[in-house]
Amino acid sequence: MSRALAHRGPDHQGVFQDGRCALGYRRLSVIDLTGGNQPMVHAPTGTVLVFNGEIYNYQTLRAELASLGHVFHSHSDSEALLAAYVQWGEDCLRRLAGMFAFAAWNPSNRSLFLARDRMGKKPLFHATLPDGTLVFASEIKSILRFPGVR
């Protein structure tokens, strides 16, 4: 599935797997060229993020999150988004300005949160298989690579 998106990001690729949850990522570096690689893991909680887009107000979010005790290791909007999700959960969406689609995996309760910007500028396609498996990607052609998706 990730290979089907190789054209989307030549700068980095990554994969995360935890049991039946697998997240793949292709990166085109725009903000923090060396520090925003994904999947990104929040070390204290193990929460994992894959993110496509740009968070316009990430520096403001980052400052607020730092005042709440979050420690940052990069200057990327991805890390600010991950910390915002860890801090506020789904309510982080109310604080985001930008164009985005992201997935956050919470290993403590084995839940996956998917979201996209209000206008759908960054696409998020998904399919549910008869056995309940959820498959998602930023392009349909990637989903079609998953066995059983037609």
Protein backbone atom coordinates (compact mmCIF):
# COMPACT_ATOMS: atom_id res chain seq x y z
CA MET A 1 0.00 0.00 0.00
CA SER A 2 2.81 2.40 0.86
CA ARG A 3 4.60 1.72 -2.42
CA ALA A 4 1.47 2.88 -4.26
CA LEU A 5 2.06 6.30 -2.66
CA ALA A 6 5.79 6.56 -3.38
CA HIS A 7 5.17 9.54 -5.67
CA ARG A 8 3.69 11.47 -2.71
CA GLY A 9 6.87 11.60 -0.68
CA PRO A 10 10.40 10.83 -1.80
CA ASP A 11 12.10 12.19 1.34
CA HIS A 12 11.26 9.48 3.90
CA GLN A 13 9.21 6.36 4.35
CA GLY A 14 8.23 4.56 7.50
CA VAL A 15 6.07 1.76 8.82
CA PHE A 16 4.68 1.05 12.29
CA GLN A 17 2.99 -2.19 13.32
CA ASP A 18 1.31 -3.22 16.57
CA GLY A 19 -0.61 -6.45 16.22
CA ARG A 20 -3.30 -5.90 13.61
CA CYS A 21 -2.67 -2.14 13.37
CA ALA A 22 -0.21 -1.12 10.66
CA LEU A 23 0.54 2.46 9.61
CA GLY A 24 2.65 3.34 6.59
CA TYR A 25 3.92 6.74 5.56
CA ARG A 26 5.62 8.54 2.67
CA ARG A 27 7.03 11.99 3.37
CA LEU A 28 7.63 15.09 1.34
CA SER A 29 9.63 17.28 3.74
CA VAL A 30 8.31 20.83 3.99
CA ILE A 31 8.56 21.89 7.66
CA ASP A 32 11.56 20.71 9.75
CA LEU A 33 13.31 18.84 6.96
CA THR A 34 15.12 16.42 9.28
CA GLY A 35 12.92 16.19 12.38
CA GLY A 36 9.42 15.38 11.22
CA ASN A 37 9.75 11.78 10.05
CA GLN A 38 6.80 9.48 10.57
CA PRO A 39 5.22 7.36 11.85
CA MET A 40 5.95 9.55 14.88
CA VAL A 41 5.76 8.06 18.38
CA HIS A 42 4.99 10.04 21.52
CA ALA A 43 7.53 8.37 23.82
CA PRO A 44 5.71 8.82 27.16
CA THR A 45 2.42 7.29 25.94
CA GLY A 46 3.40 5.26 22.89
CA THR A 47 0.74 7.04 20.81
CA VAL A 48 1.64 6.91 17.11
CA LEU A 49 0.80 9.49 14.43
CA VAL A 50 0.78 9.52 10.65
CA PHE A 51 -0.17 12.88 9.21
CA ASN A 52 -0.60 14.46 5.80
CA GLY A 53 -0.92 18.20 5.49
CA GLU A 54 0.06 21.34 7.32
CA ILE A 55 -1.01 22.74 10.67
CA TYR A 56 -0.82 26.51 10.21
CA ASN A 57 -0.99 27.36 13.91
CA TYR A 58 1.45 24.69 15.10
CA GLN A 59 3.84 27.17 16.69
CA THR A 60 1.07 28.59 18.89
CA LEU A 61 -0.08 25.07 19.79
CA ARG A 62 3.49 24.06 20.50
CA ALA A 63 3.99 26.98 22.92
CA GLU A 64 0.75 26.16 24.76
CA LEU A 65 1.64 22.47 24.95
CA ALA A 66 5.16 23.26 26.19
CA SER A 67 3.61 25.33 28.99
CA LEU A 68 1.59 22.20 29.90
CA GLY A 69 4.80 20.16 30.21
CA HIS A 70 5.21 18.63 26.76
CA VAL A 71 8.80 18.30 25.58
CA PHE A 72 9.55 18.66 21.87
CA HIS A 73 12.42 17.06 19.97
CA SER A 74 11.77 18.62 16.56
CA HIS A 75 10.35 21.77 15.06
CA SER A 76 7.70 19.94 13.03
CA ASP A 77 3.99 20.53 12.91
CA SER A 78 3.65 16.74 13.13
CA GLU A 79 5.09 16.66 16.64
CA ALA A 80 2.86 19.55 17.73
CA LEU A 81 -0.17 17.71 16.33
CA LEU A 82 0.80 14.49 18.10
CA ALA A 83 1.21 16.31 21.44
CA ALA A 84 -2.14 18.08 20.89
CA TYR A 85 -3.85 14.74 20.33
CA VAL A 86 -2.21 13.25 23.42
CA GLN A 87 -3.22 16.29 25.50
CA TRP A 88 -6.78 16.87 24.29
CA GLY A 89 -7.81 13.73 22.41
CA GLU A 90 -10.52 14.33 19.82
CA ASP A 91 -10.96 17.88 21.13
CA CYS A 92 -7.62 18.76 19.53
CA LEU A 93 -9.58 19.21 16.29
CA ARG A 94 -11.17 22.37 17.67
CA ARG A 95 -7.73 23.91 18.05
CA LEU A 96 -6.30 23.05 14.63
CA ALA A 97 -6.04 25.49 11.76
CA GLY A 98 -4.80 23.95 8.56
CA MET A 99 -5.29 21.32 5.92
CA PHE A 100 -4.77 17.82 7.24
CA ALA A 101 -5.67 14.19 7.45
CA PHE A 102 -4.21 12.06 10.21
CA ALA A 103 -4.41 8.81 12.09
CA ALA A 104 -3.46 8.40 15.74
CA TRP A 105 -3.02 4.93 17.27
CA ASN A 106 -3.40 4.65 21.03
CA PRO A 107 -1.70 1.43 22.15
CA SER A 108 -3.03 1.61 25.72
CA ASN A 109 -6.64 1.08 24.64
CA ARG A 110 -5.88 -0.20 21.13
CA SER A 111 -7.95 2.52 19.44
CA LEU A 112 -7.43 4.32 16.17
CA PHE A 113 -8.58 7.91 15.62
CA LEU A 114 -8.92 9.21 12.04
CA ALA A 115 -9.60 12.83 11.18
CA ARG A 116 -9.37 15.27 8.31
CA ASP A 117 -9.74 19.01 7.95
CA ARG A 118 -13.25 20.42 7.80
CA MET A 119 -13.13 21.21 4.09
CA GLY A 120 -11.57 17.91 3.08
CA LYS A 121 -8.60 19.58 1.44
CA LYS A 122 -6.45 16.60 2.44
CA PRO A 123 -8.24 13.41 1.45
CA LEU A 124 -8.88 10.44 3.70
CA PHE A 125 -10.38 7.40 1.99
CA HIS A 126 -11.43 4.27 3.85
CA ALA A 127 -12.98 0.87 3.36
CA THR A 128 -14.34 -1.66 5.84
CA LEU A 129 -14.02 -5.32 4.96
CA PRO A 130 -16.67 -7.93 5.90
CA ASP A 131 -14.50 -9.11 8.83
CA GLY A 132 -14.42 -5.57 10.26
CA THR A 133 -10.92 -4.69 9.07
CA LEU A 134 -10.58 -0.96 8.42
CA VAL A 135 -8.26 0.11 5.60
CA PHE A 136 -7.51 3.78 4.94
CA ALA A 137 -5.20 5.93 2.86
CA SER A 138 -4.84 9.31 1.22
CA GLU A 139 -5.45 7.79 -2.22
CA ILE A 140 -7.88 5.09 -3.32
CA LYS A 141 -5.23 3.27 -5.35
CA SER A 142 -3.39 2.48 -2.12
CA ILE A 143 -6.52 0.95 -0.55
CA LEU A 144 -7.02 -1.22 -3.64
CA ARG A 145 -3.67 -2.88 -2.91
CA PHE A 146 -5.03 -4.39 0.32
CA PRO A 147 -6.14 -8.03 -0.08
CA GLY A 148 -9.91 -8.33 -0.28
CA VAL A 149 -10.62 -4.71 -1.24
CA ARG A 150 -12.34 -4.37 -4.61
